[in-house]
Amino acid sequence: METSKSETSLSRVGLGMVAVAIVTAGLWWWMRPPAPLSENGYDLTIALYRVCNQRSDEGLQRIEQLLDESRSTGEASDPSHGIVAAIVAQAKAGDWESAARASRRALEDQVKR
């Protein structure tokens, strides 16, 4: 079956749009502002990184418990909690590798260059 020139050019335009979207998403990802972590959030993130690398369900439960405790002590306004909670959710969903990478990125974001 023969394809027409218009079908071929439409598929090329579609592929071009997908390529532009991927490049744009990549630039946004690399240029995003660093996530600020409090001292407690930093400590939790270090522990979470280790737990994700070990794929430890018990460790993940302990991180959740520590996160809940710090929220109940009045530190609920700490923006670190949202960052740590999002990473915990990734790990709970079984995406240990992505959670480990997200933990690592959050820790690297704390380095002042």
C-alpha atoms as a PDB file:
ATOM      1  CA  MET A   1       0.000   0.000   0.000  1.00  0.00           C
ATOM      2  CA  GLU A   2       1.406   3.341  -1.037  1.00  0.00           C
ATOM      3  CA  THR A   3       1.447   6.351   1.308  1.00  0.00           C
ATOM      4  CA  SER A   4       0.783   9.812   0.004  1.00  0.00           C
ATOM      5  CA  LYS A   5       3.100  12.779   0.422  1.00  0.00           C
ATOM      6  CA  SER A   6       0.651  14.450   2.810  1.00  0.00           C
ATOM      7  CA  GLU A   7       0.602  11.389   5.106  1.00  0.00           C
ATOM      8  CA  THR A   8       4.401  11.293   5.103  1.00  0.00           C
ATOM      9  CA  SER A   9       4.723  14.998   5.868  1.00  0.00           C
ATOM     10  CA  LEU A  10       2.098  14.720   8.650  1.00  0.00           C
ATOM     11  CA  SER A  11       4.035  11.892  10.281  1.00  0.00           C
ATOM     12  CA  ARG A  12       7.252  13.923  10.052  1.00  0.00           C
ATOM     13  CA  VAL A  13       5.534  16.925  11.641  1.00  0.00           C
ATOM     14  CA  GLY A  14       4.222  14.665  14.398  1.00  0.00           C
ATOM     15  CA  LEU A  15       7.671  13.220  15.047  1.00  0.00           C
ATOM     16  CA  GLY A  16       9.128  16.729  15.054  1.00  0.00           C
ATOM     17  CA  MET A  17       6.586  17.874  17.628  1.00  0.00           C
ATOM     18  CA  VAL A  18       7.366  14.869  19.840  1.00  0.00           C
ATOM     19  CA  ALA A  19      11.099  15.607  19.578  1.00  0.00           C
ATOM     20  CA  VAL A  20      10.545  19.258  20.533  1.00  0.00           C
ATOM     21  CA  ALA A  21       8.394  18.199  23.494  1.00  0.00           C
ATOM     22  CA  ILE A  22      11.084  15.802  24.722  1.00  0.00           C
ATOM     23  CA  VAL A  23      13.831  18.412  24.417  1.00  0.00           C
ATOM     24  CA  THR A  24      11.675  21.003  26.197  1.00  0.00           C
ATOM     25  CA  ALA A  25      10.884  18.597  29.028  1.00  0.00           C
ATOM     26  CA  GLY A  26      14.578  17.745  29.370  1.00  0.00           C
ATOM     27  CA  LEU A  27      15.580  21.396  29.556  1.00  0.00           C
ATOM     28  CA  TRP A  28      12.899  22.083  32.133  1.00  0.00           C
ATOM     29  CA  TRP A  29      14.093  19.121  34.213  1.00  0.00           C
ATOM     30  CA  TRP A  30      17.746  20.204  34.216  1.00  0.00           C
ATOM     31  CA  MET A  31      16.976  23.888  34.826  1.00  0.00           C
ATOM     32  CA  ARG A  32      14.476  23.398  37.658  1.00  0.00           C
ATOM     33  CA  PRO A  33      15.202  25.228  40.904  1.00  0.00           C
ATOM     34  CA  PRO A  34      16.726  23.139  43.688  1.00  0.00           C
ATOM     35  CA  ALA A  35      14.404  21.695  46.299  1.00  0.00           C
ATOM     36  CA  PRO A  36      15.144  23.187  49.729  1.00  0.00           C
ATOM     37  CA  LEU A  37      15.439  20.660  52.544  1.00  0.00           C
ATOM     38  CA  SER A  38      15.446  21.476  56.241  1.00  0.00           C
ATOM     39  CA  GLU A  39      17.934  19.717  58.484  1.00  0.00           C
ATOM     40  CA  ASN A  40      15.293  17.129  59.424  1.00  0.00           C
ATOM     41  CA  GLY A  41      14.238  16.769  55.775  1.00  0.00           C
ATOM     42  CA  TYR A  42      17.860  16.285  54.753  1.00  0.00           C
ATOM     43  CA  ASP A  43      18.339  13.548  57.369  1.00  0.00           C
ATOM     44  CA  LEU A  44      15.129  11.819  56.275  1.00  0.00           C
ATOM     45  CA  THR A  45      16.195  12.019  52.636  1.00  0.00           C
ATOM     46  CA  ILE A  46      19.575  10.432  53.384  1.00  0.00           C
ATOM     47  CA  ALA A  47      17.816   7.599  55.203  1.00  0.00           C
ATOM     48  CA  LEU A  48      15.268   7.316  52.388  1.00  0.00           C
ATOM     49  CA  TYR A  49      18.037   7.057  49.792  1.00  0.00           C
ATOM     50  CA  ARG A  50      19.561   4.144  51.705  1.00  0.00           C
ATOM     51  CA  VAL A  51      16.158   2.474  52.145  1.00  0.00           C
ATOM     52  CA  CYS A  52      15.398   2.798  48.426  1.00  0.00           C
ATOM     53  CA  ASN A  53      18.744   1.290  47.462  1.00  0.00           C
ATOM     54  CA  GLN A  54      18.087  -1.628  49.823  1.00  0.00           C
ATOM     55  CA  ARG A  55      14.437  -1.878  48.708  1.00  0.00           C
ATOM     56  CA  SER A  56      13.474  -2.222  52.355  1.00  0.00           C
ATOM     57  CA  ASP A  57       9.750  -2.179  53.057  1.00  0.00           C
ATOM     58  CA  GLU A  58      10.470  -2.085  56.799  1.00  0.00           C
ATOM     59  CA  GLY A  59      12.799   0.880  56.367  1.00  0.00           C
ATOM     60  CA  LEU A  60      10.199   2.645  54.250  1.00  0.00           C
ATOM     61  CA  GLN A  61       7.601   2.175  56.978  1.00  0.00           C
ATOM     62  CA  ARG A  62      10.047   3.653  59.494  1.00  0.00           C
ATOM     63  CA  ILE A  63      10.651   6.681  57.247  1.00  0.00           C
ATOM     64  CA  GLU A  64       6.886   7.188  56.981  1.00  0.00           C
ATOM     65  CA  GLN A  65       6.592   6.958  60.752  1.00  0.00           C
ATOM     66  CA  LEU A  66       9.355   9.539  61.254  1.00  0.00           C
ATOM     67  CA  LEU A  67       7.738  11.799  58.669  1.00  0.00           C
ATOM     68  CA  ASP A  68       4.373  11.561  60.441  1.00  0.00           C
ATOM     69  CA  GLU A  69       6.009  12.257  63.814  1.00  0.00           C
ATOM     70  CA  SER A  70       7.759  15.370  62.529  1.00  0.00           C
ATOM     71  CA  ARG A  71       4.486  16.599  61.019  1.00  0.00           C
ATOM     72  CA  SER A  72       2.677  16.131  64.330  1.00  0.00           C
ATOM     73  CA  THR A  73       5.316  18.098  66.256  1.00  0.00           C
ATOM     74  CA  GLY A  74       4.453  21.295  64.427  1.00  0.00           C
ATOM     75  CA  GLU A  75       6.915  21.019  61.571  1.00  0.00           C
ATOM     76  CA  ALA A  76       4.059  20.524  59.097  1.00  0.00           C
ATOM     77  CA  SER A  77       4.890  23.746  57.287  1.00  0.00           C
ATOM     78  CA  ASP A  78       8.335  22.393  56.379  1.00  0.00           C
ATOM     79  CA  PRO A  79       8.468  22.151  52.558  1.00  0.00           C
ATOM     80  CA  SER A  80      10.802  19.162  52.895  1.00  0.00           C
ATOM     81  CA  HIS A  81       7.879  17.011  53.971  1.00  0.00           C
ATOM     82  CA  GLY A  82       6.243  17.254  50.573  1.00  0.00           C
ATOM     83  CA  ILE A  83       9.481  16.300  48.845  1.00  0.00           C
ATOM     84  CA  VAL A  84      10.099  13.319  51.131  1.00  0.00           C
ATOM     85  CA  ALA A  85       6.429  12.228  50.969  1.00  0.00           C
ATOM     86  CA  ALA A  86       6.513  12.245  47.156  1.00  0.00           C
ATOM     87  CA  ILE A  87       9.623  10.063  47.130  1.00  0.00           C
ATOM     88  CA  VAL A  88       8.058   7.716  49.701  1.00  0.00           C
ATOM     89  CA  ALA A  89       5.000   7.384  47.451  1.00  0.00           C
ATOM     90  CA  GLN A  90       7.237   6.386  44.518  1.00  0.00           C
ATOM     91  CA  ALA A  91       8.937   3.731  46.620  1.00  0.00           C
ATOM     92  CA  LYS A  92       5.631   2.430  47.984  1.00  0.00           C
ATOM     93  CA  ALA A  93       4.425   2.043  44.402  1.00  0.00           C
ATOM     94  CA  GLY A  94       7.412  -0.251  43.804  1.00  0.00           C
ATOM     95  CA  ASP A  95       9.422   2.231  41.758  1.00  0.00           C
ATOM     96  CA  TRP A  96      12.501   1.918  43.942  1.00  0.00           C
ATOM     97  CA  GLU A  97      14.979   3.080  41.301  1.00  0.00           C
ATOM     98  CA  SER A  98      13.120   6.315  40.548  1.00  0.00           C
ATOM     99  CA  ALA A  99      12.700   6.955  44.260  1.00  0.00           C
ATOM    100  CA  ALA A 100      16.433   6.447  44.821  1.00  0.00           C
ATOM    101  CA  ARG A 101      17.228   8.833  41.958  1.00  0.00           C
ATOM    102  CA  ALA A 102      14.789  11.423  43.319  1.00  0.00           C
ATOM    103  CA  SER A 103      16.366  11.123  46.766  1.00  0.00           C
ATOM    104  CA  ARG A 104      19.810  11.543  45.310  1.00  0.00           C
ATOM    105  CA  ARG A 105      18.712  14.581  43.268  1.00  0.00           C
ATOM    106  CA  ALA A 106      17.143  16.201  46.339  1.00  0.00           C
ATOM    107  CA  LEU A 107      20.397  15.690  48.249  1.00  0.00           C
ATOM    108  CA  GLU A 108      22.522  17.006  45.382  1.00  0.00           C
ATOM    109  CA  ASP A 109      20.281  20.075  45.158  1.00  0.00           C
ATOM    110  CA  GLN A 110      21.476  21.054  48.631  1.00  0.00           C
ATOM    111  CA  VAL A 111      25.070  21.486  47.467  1.00  0.00           C
ATOM    112  CA  LYS A 112      25.918  25.134  46.929  1.00  0.00           C
ATOM    113  CA  ARG A 113      28.052  25.539  43.822  1.00  0.00           C
END
